[in-house]
Amino acid sequence: MSFFPVLVNTSGRRVIVAGGGEQAAWKVDRLVQAGVRATVVNTEFRSPFDKWRDHPLITTKHSVVDISDLTPGALVFLADEAREYAEKFRAYSDKSGAWLNVVDKPDWCDFYSMAQIRRGDLVVAVATCGKAPQVAKNLKNFLEPIVDNAWTSIGNRTVHQEV
């Protein structure tokens, strides 16, 4: 497999997180930080989801994730117990045009989340194509003090210039 790093405009795009545990909560937290609207689907939600109960970006759907959730162009994350649907969803996502990410199962993924540092519109991302997420996280943690909050205003400038 070969990958190309991109930022995806999620405006108007369906984003689904399936699962109700720690992995799904972590994905939702990252999506909220990025300002992404998402629907979280699971039969039950554990305590990590309490903070998003009334969040304007997050909709919760109390049901089993279904292949009808895989609409063309949708970004779908399968986390926690929802990973058991990976094989069924892999085949269907290929047909539907949905993009699939199965947490901790890189061979099942169309895309990977990157370890990232956000400073306004400046995004620094580190990825290992799903092979060593802890290495990407460690490198991000190393870079974080270097790319401090002073970069926020630089990243938000509309005039292109070298820093």
N, C-alpha and C. Protein backbone atom coordinates (compact mmCIF):
# COMPACT_ATOMS: atom_id res chain seq x y z
N MET A 1 0.84 -1.19 0.00
CA MET A 1 0.00 0.00 0.00
C MET A 1 0.87 1.24 0.00
N SER A 2 0.41 2.25 -0.69
CA SER A 2 1.10 3.54 -0.64
C SER A 2 0.11 4.59 -0.18
N PHE A 3 0.60 5.56 0.58
CA PHE A 3 -0.26 6.57 1.18
C PHE A 3 0.26 7.95 0.86
N PHE A 4 -0.66 8.91 0.82
CA PHE A 4 -0.33 10.30 0.60
C PHE A 4 -0.98 11.12 1.70
N PRO A 5 -0.20 11.87 2.47
CA PRO A 5 -0.80 12.63 3.58
C PRO A 5 -1.61 13.82 3.07
N VAL A 6 -2.83 13.96 3.57
CA VAL A 6 -3.70 15.07 3.18
C VAL A 6 -4.50 15.56 4.39
N LEU A 7 -5.04 16.76 4.27
CA LEU A 7 -6.04 17.25 5.21
C LEU A 7 -7.37 17.15 4.48
N VAL A 8 -8.39 16.61 5.12
CA VAL A 8 -9.69 16.40 4.49
C VAL A 8 -10.67 17.45 4.97
N ASN A 9 -11.32 18.12 4.03
CA ASN A 9 -12.38 19.07 4.37
C ASN A 9 -13.60 18.25 4.76
N THR A 10 -14.01 18.33 6.02
CA THR A 10 -15.12 17.52 6.50
C THR A 10 -16.46 18.27 6.46
N SER A 11 -16.46 19.50 5.98
CA SER A 11 -17.72 20.24 5.86
C SER A 11 -18.65 19.49 4.93
N GLY A 12 -19.82 19.13 5.42
CA GLY A 12 -20.79 18.42 4.60
C GLY A 12 -20.49 16.94 4.41
N ARG A 13 -19.42 16.46 4.96
CA ARG A 13 -19.05 15.04 4.83
C ARG A 13 -19.53 14.29 6.07
N ARG A 14 -20.08 13.14 5.88
CA ARG A 14 -20.53 12.33 7.01
C ARG A 14 -19.32 11.71 7.70
N VAL A 15 -19.25 11.88 9.01
CA VAL A 15 -18.19 11.29 9.82
C VAL A 15 -18.86 10.45 10.91
N ILE A 16 -18.52 9.17 10.92
CA ILE A 16 -19.12 8.22 11.86
C ILE A 16 -18.02 7.64 12.74
N VAL A 17 -18.27 7.59 14.03
CA VAL A 17 -17.41 6.86 14.95
C VAL A 17 -18.28 5.78 15.56
N ALA A 18 -17.92 4.53 15.33
CA ALA A 18 -18.69 3.41 15.89
C ALA A 18 -17.92 2.83 17.06
N GLY A 19 -18.58 2.77 18.20
CA GLY A 19 -17.96 2.25 19.41
C GLY A 19 -18.33 3.13 20.58
N GLY A 20 -18.27 2.57 21.78
CA GLY A 20 -18.68 3.33 22.95
C GLY A 20 -17.68 3.34 24.08
N GLY A 21 -16.42 2.98 23.79
CA GLY A 21 -15.43 2.89 24.85
C GLY A 21 -14.30 3.90 24.69
N GLU A 22 -13.16 3.56 25.26
CA GLU A 22 -12.01 4.46 25.31
C GLU A 22 -11.48 4.84 23.92
N GLN A 23 -11.38 3.85 23.01
CA GLN A 23 -10.86 4.15 21.67
C GLN A 23 -11.77 5.13 20.94
N ALA A 24 -13.07 4.88 21.00
CA ALA A 24 -14.02 5.78 20.34
C ALA A 24 -13.99 7.16 20.98
N ALA A 25 -13.91 7.21 22.30
CA ALA A 25 -13.86 8.49 23.00
C ALA A 25 -12.63 9.29 22.58
N TRP A 26 -11.51 8.63 22.40
CA TRP A 26 -10.29 9.31 21.96
C TRP A 26 -10.47 9.86 20.55
N LYS A 27 -11.08 9.08 19.66
CA LYS A 27 -11.33 9.57 18.30
C LYS A 27 -12.26 10.78 18.32
N VAL A 28 -13.33 10.71 19.10
CA VAL A 28 -14.28 11.82 19.19
C VAL A 28 -13.58 13.07 19.73
N ASP A 29 -12.74 12.90 20.73
CA ASP A 29 -12.01 14.03 21.28
C ASP A 29 -11.16 14.71 20.21
N ARG A 30 -10.47 13.93 19.42
CA ARG A 30 -9.63 14.48 18.34
C ARG A 30 -10.49 15.16 17.28
N LEU A 31 -11.63 14.59 16.94
CA LEU A 31 -12.52 15.21 15.96
C LEU A 31 -13.06 16.54 16.47
N VAL A 32 -13.47 16.58 17.73
CA VAL A 32 -13.99 17.82 18.32
C VAL A 32 -12.90 18.90 18.32
N GLN A 33 -11.68 18.51 18.68
CA GLN A 33 -10.57 19.48 18.67
C GLN A 33 -10.37 20.09 17.28
N ALA A 34 -10.66 19.31 16.26
CA ALA A 34 -10.50 19.79 14.89
C ALA A 34 -11.76 20.48 14.36
N GLY A 35 -12.80 20.55 15.18
CA GLY A 35 -14.04 21.21 14.76
C GLY A 35 -14.89 20.38 13.82
N VAL A 36 -14.76 19.07 13.89
CA VAL A 36 -15.47 18.16 12.98
C VAL A 36 -16.80 17.72 13.60
N ARG A 37 -17.87 17.80 12.82
CA ARG A 37 -19.17 17.26 13.21
C ARG A 37 -19.16 15.76 12.98
N ALA A 38 -19.61 14.99 13.99
CA ALA A 38 -19.58 13.54 13.85
C ALA A 38 -20.79 12.91 14.53
N THR A 39 -21.15 11.74 14.05
CA THR A 39 -22.18 10.92 14.68
C THR A 39 -21.49 9.73 15.30
N VAL A 40 -21.77 9.49 16.58
CA VAL A 40 -21.20 8.35 17.29
C VAL A 40 -22.30 7.31 17.44
N VAL A 41 -22.02 6.10 16.98
CA VAL A 41 -23.01 5.03 16.96
C VAL A 41 -22.57 3.90 17.87
N ASN A 42 -23.43 3.53 18.80
CA ASN A 42 -23.19 2.36 19.64
C ASN A 42 -24.45 2.07 20.44
N THR A 43 -24.57 0.84 20.91
CA THR A 43 -25.75 0.48 21.71
C THR A 43 -25.69 1.09 23.10
N GLU A 44 -24.48 1.30 23.63
CA GLU A 44 -24.34 1.95 24.93
C GLU A 44 -23.06 2.79 24.94
N PHE A 45 -23.08 3.85 25.73
CA PHE A 45 -21.94 4.74 25.82
C PHE A 45 -21.46 4.77 27.26
N ARG A 46 -20.18 4.49 27.44
CA ARG A 46 -19.60 4.51 28.78
C ARG A 46 -19.22 5.93 29.18
N SER A 47 -18.75 6.09 30.40
CA SER A 47 -18.52 7.40 31.00
C SER A 47 -17.68 8.38 30.17
N PRO A 48 -16.72 7.95 29.36
CA PRO A 48 -15.96 8.96 28.61
C PRO A 48 -16.84 9.84 27.71
N PHE A 49 -18.03 9.35 27.38
CA PHE A 49 -18.90 10.11 26.47
C PHE A 49 -19.77 11.15 27.18
N ASP A 50 -19.78 11.14 28.50
CA ASP A 50 -20.61 12.10 29.24
C ASP A 50 -20.32 13.54 28.84
N LYS A 51 -19.05 13.87 28.60
CA LYS A 51 -18.71 15.26 28.29
C LYS A 51 -19.21 15.70 26.91
N TRP A 52 -19.61 14.78 26.06
CA TRP A 52 -20.11 15.14 24.73
C TRP A 52 -21.62 15.01 24.60
N ARG A 53 -22.29 14.71 25.69
CA ARG A 53 -23.73 14.46 25.65
C ARG A 53 -24.50 15.61 24.98
N ASP A 54 -24.15 16.83 25.28
CA ASP A 54 -24.84 17.99 24.70
C ASP A 54 -23.92 18.83 23.83
N HIS A 55 -22.85 18.25 23.32
CA HIS A 55 -21.91 19.00 22.50
C HIS A 55 -22.51 19.27 21.12
N PRO A 56 -22.41 20.51 20.62
CA PRO A 56 -23.04 20.85 19.33
C PRO A 56 -22.45 20.11 18.13
N LEU A 57 -21.24 19.60 18.23
CA LEU A 57 -20.64 18.91 17.08
C LEU A 57 -20.92 17.41 17.07
N ILE A 58 -21.40 16.88 18.20
CA ILE A 58 -21.53 15.43 18.34
C ILE A 58 -22.99 15.01 18.47
N THR A 59 -23.37 14.04 17.64
CA THR A 59 -24.69 13.41 17.73
C THR A 59 -24.46 11.96 18.12
N THR A 60 -25.23 11.48 19.08
CA THR A 60 -25.11 10.07 19.45
C THR A 60 -26.33 9.32 18.94
N LYS A 61 -26.07 8.13 18.45
CA LYS A 61 -27.12 7.26 17.91
C LYS A 61 -27.02 5.93 18.65
N HIS A 62 -28.04 5.62 19.43
CA HIS A 62 -28.04 4.39 20.23
C HIS A 62 -28.53 3.23 19.39
N SER A 63 -27.61 2.61 18.67
CA SER A 63 -27.94 1.44 17.86
C SER A 63 -26.65 0.73 17.47
N VAL A 64 -26.80 -0.38 16.82
CA VAL A 64 -25.65 -1.10 16.28
C VAL A 64 -25.27 -0.42 14.98
N VAL A 65 -23.99 -0.23 14.76
CA VAL A 65 -23.55 0.37 13.50
C VAL A 65 -23.98 -0.55 12.35
N ASP A 66 -24.41 0.06 11.27
CA ASP A 66 -24.99 -0.70 10.16
C ASP A 66 -24.32 -0.28 8.86
N ILE A 67 -24.33 -1.16 7.88
CA ILE A 67 -23.71 -0.82 6.60
C ILE A 67 -24.40 0.37 5.94
N SER A 68 -25.63 0.67 6.31
CA SER A 68 -26.31 1.85 5.76
C SER A 68 -25.63 3.15 6.24
N ASP A 69 -24.81 3.07 7.28
CA ASP A 69 -24.06 4.24 7.75
C ASP A 69 -22.90 4.57 6.80
N LEU A 70 -22.55 3.65 5.93
CA LEU A 70 -21.44 3.85 5.01
C LEU A 70 -21.92 4.47 3.71
N THR A 71 -22.09 5.77 3.72
CA THR A 71 -22.52 6.49 2.52
C THR A 71 -21.28 6.91 1.72
N PRO A 72 -21.43 7.17 0.43
CA PRO A 72 -20.27 7.57 -0.38
C PRO A 72 -19.54 8.78 0.22
N GLY A 73 -18.23 8.64 0.34
CA GLY A 73 -17.41 9.72 0.86
C GLY A 73 -17.37 9.83 2.37
N ALA A 74 -18.14 9.02 3.08
CA ALA A 74 -18.14 9.08 4.55
C ALA A 74 -16.80 8.62 5.10
N LEU A 75 -16.42 9.22 6.21
CA LEU A 75 -15.26 8.74 6.97
C LEU A 75 -15.82 7.94 8.14
N VAL A 76 -15.43 6.68 8.23
CA VAL A 76 -15.99 5.79 9.24
C VAL A 76 -14.87 5.20 10.08
N PHE A 77 -14.94 5.43 11.39
CA PHE A 77 -13.99 4.87 12.34
C PHE A 77 -14.67 3.74 13.10
N LEU A 78 -14.10 2.56 13.08
CA LEU A 78 -14.60 1.45 13.89
C LEU A 78 -13.65 1.29 15.07
N ALA A 79 -14.18 1.47 16.27
CA ALA A 79 -13.37 1.40 17.48
C ALA A 79 -14.01 0.45 18.48
N ASP A 80 -13.23 0.06 19.47
CA ASP A 80 -13.73 -0.77 20.56
C ASP A 80 -14.47 -1.99 20.01
N GLU A 81 -15.66 -2.25 20.56
CA GLU A 81 -16.42 -3.45 20.18
C GLU A 81 -16.92 -3.41 18.73
N ALA A 82 -16.99 -2.24 18.12
CA ALA A 82 -17.45 -2.14 16.73
C ALA A 82 -16.44 -2.73 15.74
N ARG A 83 -15.22 -2.98 16.19
CA ARG A 83 -14.21 -3.57 15.30
C ARG A 83 -14.61 -4.96 14.83
N GLU A 84 -15.53 -5.61 15.54
CA GLU A 84 -15.97 -6.94 15.13
C GLU A 84 -16.66 -6.91 13.77
N TYR A 85 -17.10 -5.74 13.32
CA TYR A 85 -17.78 -5.60 12.02
C TYR A 85 -16.81 -5.31 10.89
N ALA A 86 -15.52 -5.30 11.17
CA ALA A 86 -14.52 -4.85 10.20
C ALA A 86 -14.58 -5.61 8.87
N GLU A 87 -14.68 -6.90 8.93
CA GLU A 87 -14.66 -7.67 7.67
C GLU A 87 -15.87 -7.33 6.80
N LYS A 88 -17.05 -7.29 7.40
CA LYS A 88 -18.26 -6.97 6.67
C LYS A 88 -18.18 -5.54 6.11
N PHE A 89 -17.70 -4.62 6.93
CA PHE A 89 -17.63 -3.22 6.51
C PHE A 89 -16.56 -3.00 5.45
N ARG A 90 -15.47 -3.75 5.52
CA ARG A 90 -14.39 -3.60 4.54
C ARG A 90 -14.94 -3.85 3.14
N ALA A 91 -15.65 -4.92 2.95
CA ALA A 91 -16.20 -5.25 1.63
C ALA A 91 -17.21 -4.20 1.19
N TYR A 92 -18.07 -3.77 2.10
CA TYR A 92 -19.11 -2.81 1.74
C TYR A 92 -18.54 -1.42 1.50
N SER A 93 -17.53 -1.02 2.26
CA SER A 93 -16.98 0.33 2.06
C SER A 93 -16.32 0.44 0.69
N ASP A 94 -15.73 -0.65 0.22
CA ASP A 94 -15.16 -0.63 -1.13
C ASP A 94 -16.23 -0.36 -2.18
N LYS A 95 -17.41 -0.93 -1.99
CA LYS A 95 -18.51 -0.74 -2.95
C LYS A 95 -19.19 0.62 -2.80
N SER A 96 -19.30 1.11 -1.55
CA SER A 96 -20.06 2.33 -1.29
C SER A 96 -19.26 3.61 -1.49
N GLY A 97 -17.94 3.49 -1.46
CA GLY A 97 -17.12 4.70 -1.56
C GLY A 97 -16.86 5.36 -0.21
N ALA A 98 -17.25 4.70 0.87
CA ALA A 98 -16.93 5.22 2.21
C ALA A 98 -15.48 4.89 2.51
N TRP A 99 -14.85 5.72 3.33
CA TRP A 99 -13.47 5.49 3.76
C TRP A 99 -13.50 4.89 5.15
N LEU A 100 -12.78 3.80 5.35
CA LEU A 100 -12.85 3.05 6.59
C LEU A 100 -11.53 3.10 7.35
N ASN A 101 -11.64 3.30 8.67
CA ASN A 101 -10.49 3.22 9.58
C ASN A 101 -10.90 2.29 10.72
N VAL A 102 -10.16 1.20 10.86
CA VAL A 102 -10.43 0.25 11.95
C VAL A 102 -9.28 0.39 12.94
N VAL A 103 -9.59 0.88 14.14
CA VAL A 103 -8.57 1.17 15.14
C VAL A 103 -7.74 -0.09 15.42
N ASP A 104 -6.43 0.08 15.38
CA ASP A 104 -5.45 -0.98 15.66
C ASP A 104 -5.46 -2.11 14.63
N LYS A 105 -6.05 -1.89 13.47
CA LYS A 105 -6.06 -2.89 12.40
C LYS A 105 -5.65 -2.21 11.09
N PRO A 106 -4.37 -1.87 10.92
CA PRO A 106 -3.96 -1.10 9.74
C PRO A 106 -4.27 -1.76 8.40
N ASP A 107 -4.29 -3.09 8.35
CA ASP A 107 -4.57 -3.76 7.07
C ASP A 107 -6.01 -3.54 6.60
N TRP A 108 -6.90 -3.13 7.50
CA TRP A 108 -8.30 -2.92 7.16
C TRP A 108 -8.59 -1.46 6.82
N CYS A 109 -7.60 -0.59 6.90
CA CYS A 109 -7.83 0.86 6.81
C CYS A 109 -7.63 1.43 5.41
N ASP A 110 -8.51 2.37 5.05
CA ASP A 110 -8.32 3.19 3.86
C ASP A 110 -7.50 4.43 4.19
N PHE A 111 -7.52 4.83 5.45
CA PHE A 111 -6.80 6.02 5.89
C PHE A 111 -6.39 5.84 7.35
N TYR A 112 -5.41 6.59 7.75
CA TYR A 112 -4.94 6.57 9.13
C TYR A 112 -5.04 7.96 9.72
N SER A 113 -5.27 8.01 11.00
CA SER A 113 -5.17 9.27 11.72
C SER A 113 -3.69 9.51 12.00
N MET A 114 -3.30 10.77 11.97
CA MET A 114 -1.91 11.10 12.24
C MET A 114 -1.77 11.72 13.62
N ALA A 115 -0.63 11.51 14.23
CA ALA A 115 -0.31 12.24 15.46
C ALA A 115 -0.15 13.70 15.04
N GLN A 116 -0.82 14.60 15.73
CA GLN A 116 -0.82 15.97 15.22
C GLN A 116 -0.70 17.02 16.32
N ILE A 117 -0.13 18.12 15.91
CA ILE A 117 -0.03 19.31 16.74
C ILE A 117 -0.81 20.38 16.00
N ARG A 118 -1.80 20.99 16.66
CA ARG A 118 -2.61 22.04 16.05
C ARG A 118 -2.33 23.35 16.75
N ARG A 119 -1.97 24.33 15.98
CA ARG A 119 -1.78 25.69 16.47
C ARG A 119 -2.54 26.61 15.51
N GLY A 120 -3.83 26.79 15.80
CA GLY A 120 -4.67 27.55 14.87
C GLY A 120 -4.77 26.81 13.56
N ASP A 121 -4.45 27.49 12.46
CA ASP A 121 -4.50 26.86 11.15
C ASP A 121 -3.23 26.09 10.80
N LEU A 122 -2.24 26.15 11.66
CA LEU A 122 -1.02 25.39 11.46
C LEU A 122 -1.22 23.98 12.02
N VAL A 123 -1.00 22.99 11.18
CA VAL A 123 -1.11 21.59 11.61
C VAL A 123 0.20 20.90 11.25
N VAL A 124 0.83 20.32 12.26
CA VAL A 124 2.03 19.51 12.05
C VAL A 124 1.61 18.08 12.35
N ALA A 125 1.78 17.19 11.37
CA ALA A 125 1.31 15.82 11.53
C ALA A 125 2.46 14.84 11.29
N VAL A 126 2.42 13.75 12.05
CA VAL A 126 3.43 12.70 11.95
C VAL A 126 2.70 11.38 11.78
N ALA A 127 3.12 10.59 10.80
CA ALA A 127 2.48 9.31 10.56
C ALA A 127 3.51 8.24 10.23
N THR A 128 3.13 7.01 10.47
CA THR A 128 3.99 5.86 10.13
C THR A 128 3.21 4.86 9.27
N CYS A 129 2.19 5.33 8.57
CA CYS A 129 1.35 4.47 7.73
C CYS A 129 0.76 3.30 8.52
N GLY A 130 0.41 3.58 9.78
CA GLY A 130 -0.23 2.58 10.61
C GLY A 130 0.69 1.55 11.20
N LYS A 131 1.98 1.62 10.89
CA LYS A 131 2.90 0.57 11.33
C LYS A 131 3.43 0.77 12.75
N ALA A 132 3.59 2.01 13.18
CA ALA A 132 4.17 2.26 14.51
C ALA A 132 3.56 3.53 15.10
N PRO A 133 2.28 3.49 15.48
CA PRO A 133 1.63 4.69 16.00
C PRO A 133 2.31 5.28 17.23
N GLN A 134 2.91 4.43 18.05
CA GLN A 134 3.59 4.95 19.25
C GLN A 134 4.82 5.78 18.87
N VAL A 135 5.50 5.39 17.80
CA VAL A 135 6.65 6.17 17.32
C VAL A 135 6.17 7.54 16.86
N ALA A 136 5.07 7.58 16.12
CA ALA A 136 4.52 8.86 15.67
C ALA A 136 4.13 9.72 16.87
N LYS A 137 3.51 9.12 17.86
CA LYS A 137 3.11 9.86 19.07
C LYS A 137 4.34 10.40 19.80
N ASN A 138 5.38 9.58 19.92
CA ASN A 138 6.60 10.02 20.60
C ASN A 138 7.25 11.19 19.86
N LEU A 139 7.29 11.13 18.54
CA LEU A 139 7.87 12.23 17.76
C LEU A 139 7.02 13.49 17.90
N LYS A 140 5.70 13.34 17.87
CA LYS A 140 4.81 14.48 18.09
C LYS A 140 5.08 15.11 19.46
N ASN A 141 5.21 14.28 20.49
CA ASN A 141 5.49 14.79 21.83
C ASN A 141 6.83 15.51 21.89
N PHE A 142 7.81 15.04 21.13
CA PHE A 142 9.11 15.70 21.06
C PHE A 142 8.98 17.08 20.40
N LEU A 143 8.17 17.16 19.34
CA LEU A 143 8.01 18.42 18.59
C LEU A 143 7.12 19.44 19.28
N GLU A 144 6.23 18.99 20.13
CA GLU A 144 5.24 19.88 20.74
C GLU A 144 5.85 21.10 21.43
N PRO A 145 6.90 20.97 22.24
CA PRO A 145 7.47 22.17 22.86
C PRO A 145 8.13 23.12 21.85
N ILE A 146 8.58 22.57 20.74
CA ILE A 146 9.21 23.40 19.70
C ILE A 146 8.14 24.20 18.96
N VAL A 147 7.03 23.54 18.64
CA VAL A 147 5.92 24.20 17.95
C VAL A 147 4.95 24.66 19.05
N ASP A 148 5.36 25.67 19.79
CA ASP A 148 4.57 26.13 20.92
C ASP A 148 3.43 27.04 20.47
N ASN A 149 2.70 27.59 21.43
CA ASN A 149 1.53 28.41 21.11
C ASN A 149 1.85 29.69 20.36
N ALA A 150 3.11 30.12 20.37
CA ALA A 150 3.49 31.30 19.60
C ALA A 150 3.23 31.10 18.10
N TRP A 151 3.20 29.86 17.67
CA TRP A 151 2.95 29.54 16.27
C TRP A 151 1.48 29.74 15.87
N THR A 152 0.59 29.83 16.82
CA THR A 152 -0.84 29.97 16.51
C THR A 152 -1.10 31.18 15.64
N SER A 153 -0.58 32.32 16.02
CA SER A 153 -0.82 33.53 15.22
C SER A 153 -0.14 33.44 13.87
N ILE A 154 0.99 32.79 13.81
CA ILE A 154 1.69 32.63 12.54
C ILE A 154 0.86 31.73 11.61
N GLY A 155 0.34 30.65 12.16
CA GLY A 155 -0.47 29.73 11.37
C GLY A 155 -1.77 30.35 10.89
N ASN A 156 -2.29 31.34 11.60
CA ASN A 156 -3.55 31.97 11.23
C ASN A 156 -3.40 33.15 10.28
N ARG A 157 -2.18 33.53 9.97
CA ARG A 157 -1.98 34.66 9.05
C ARG A 157 -2.52 34.31 7.67
N THR A 158 -3.10 35.27 7.02
CA THR A 158 -3.61 35.03 5.67
C THR A 158 -2.59 35.39 4.60
N VAL A 159 -1.58 36.15 4.98
CA VAL A 159 -0.52 36.54 4.05
C VAL A 159 0.54 35.46 4.09
N HIS A 160 0.94 34.97 2.92
CA HIS A 160 1.97 33.94 2.86
C HIS A 160 3.35 34.59 3.01
N GLN A 161 4.09 34.10 3.96
CA GLN A 161 5.45 34.58 4.14
C GLN A 161 6.25 33.52 4.84
N GLU A 162 7.54 33.60 4.68
CA GLU A 162 8.41 32.65 5.36
C GLU A 162 8.62 33.10 6.78
N VAL A 163 8.69 32.16 7.69
CA VAL A 163 8.91 32.47 9.11
C VAL A 163 10.38 32.27 9.41
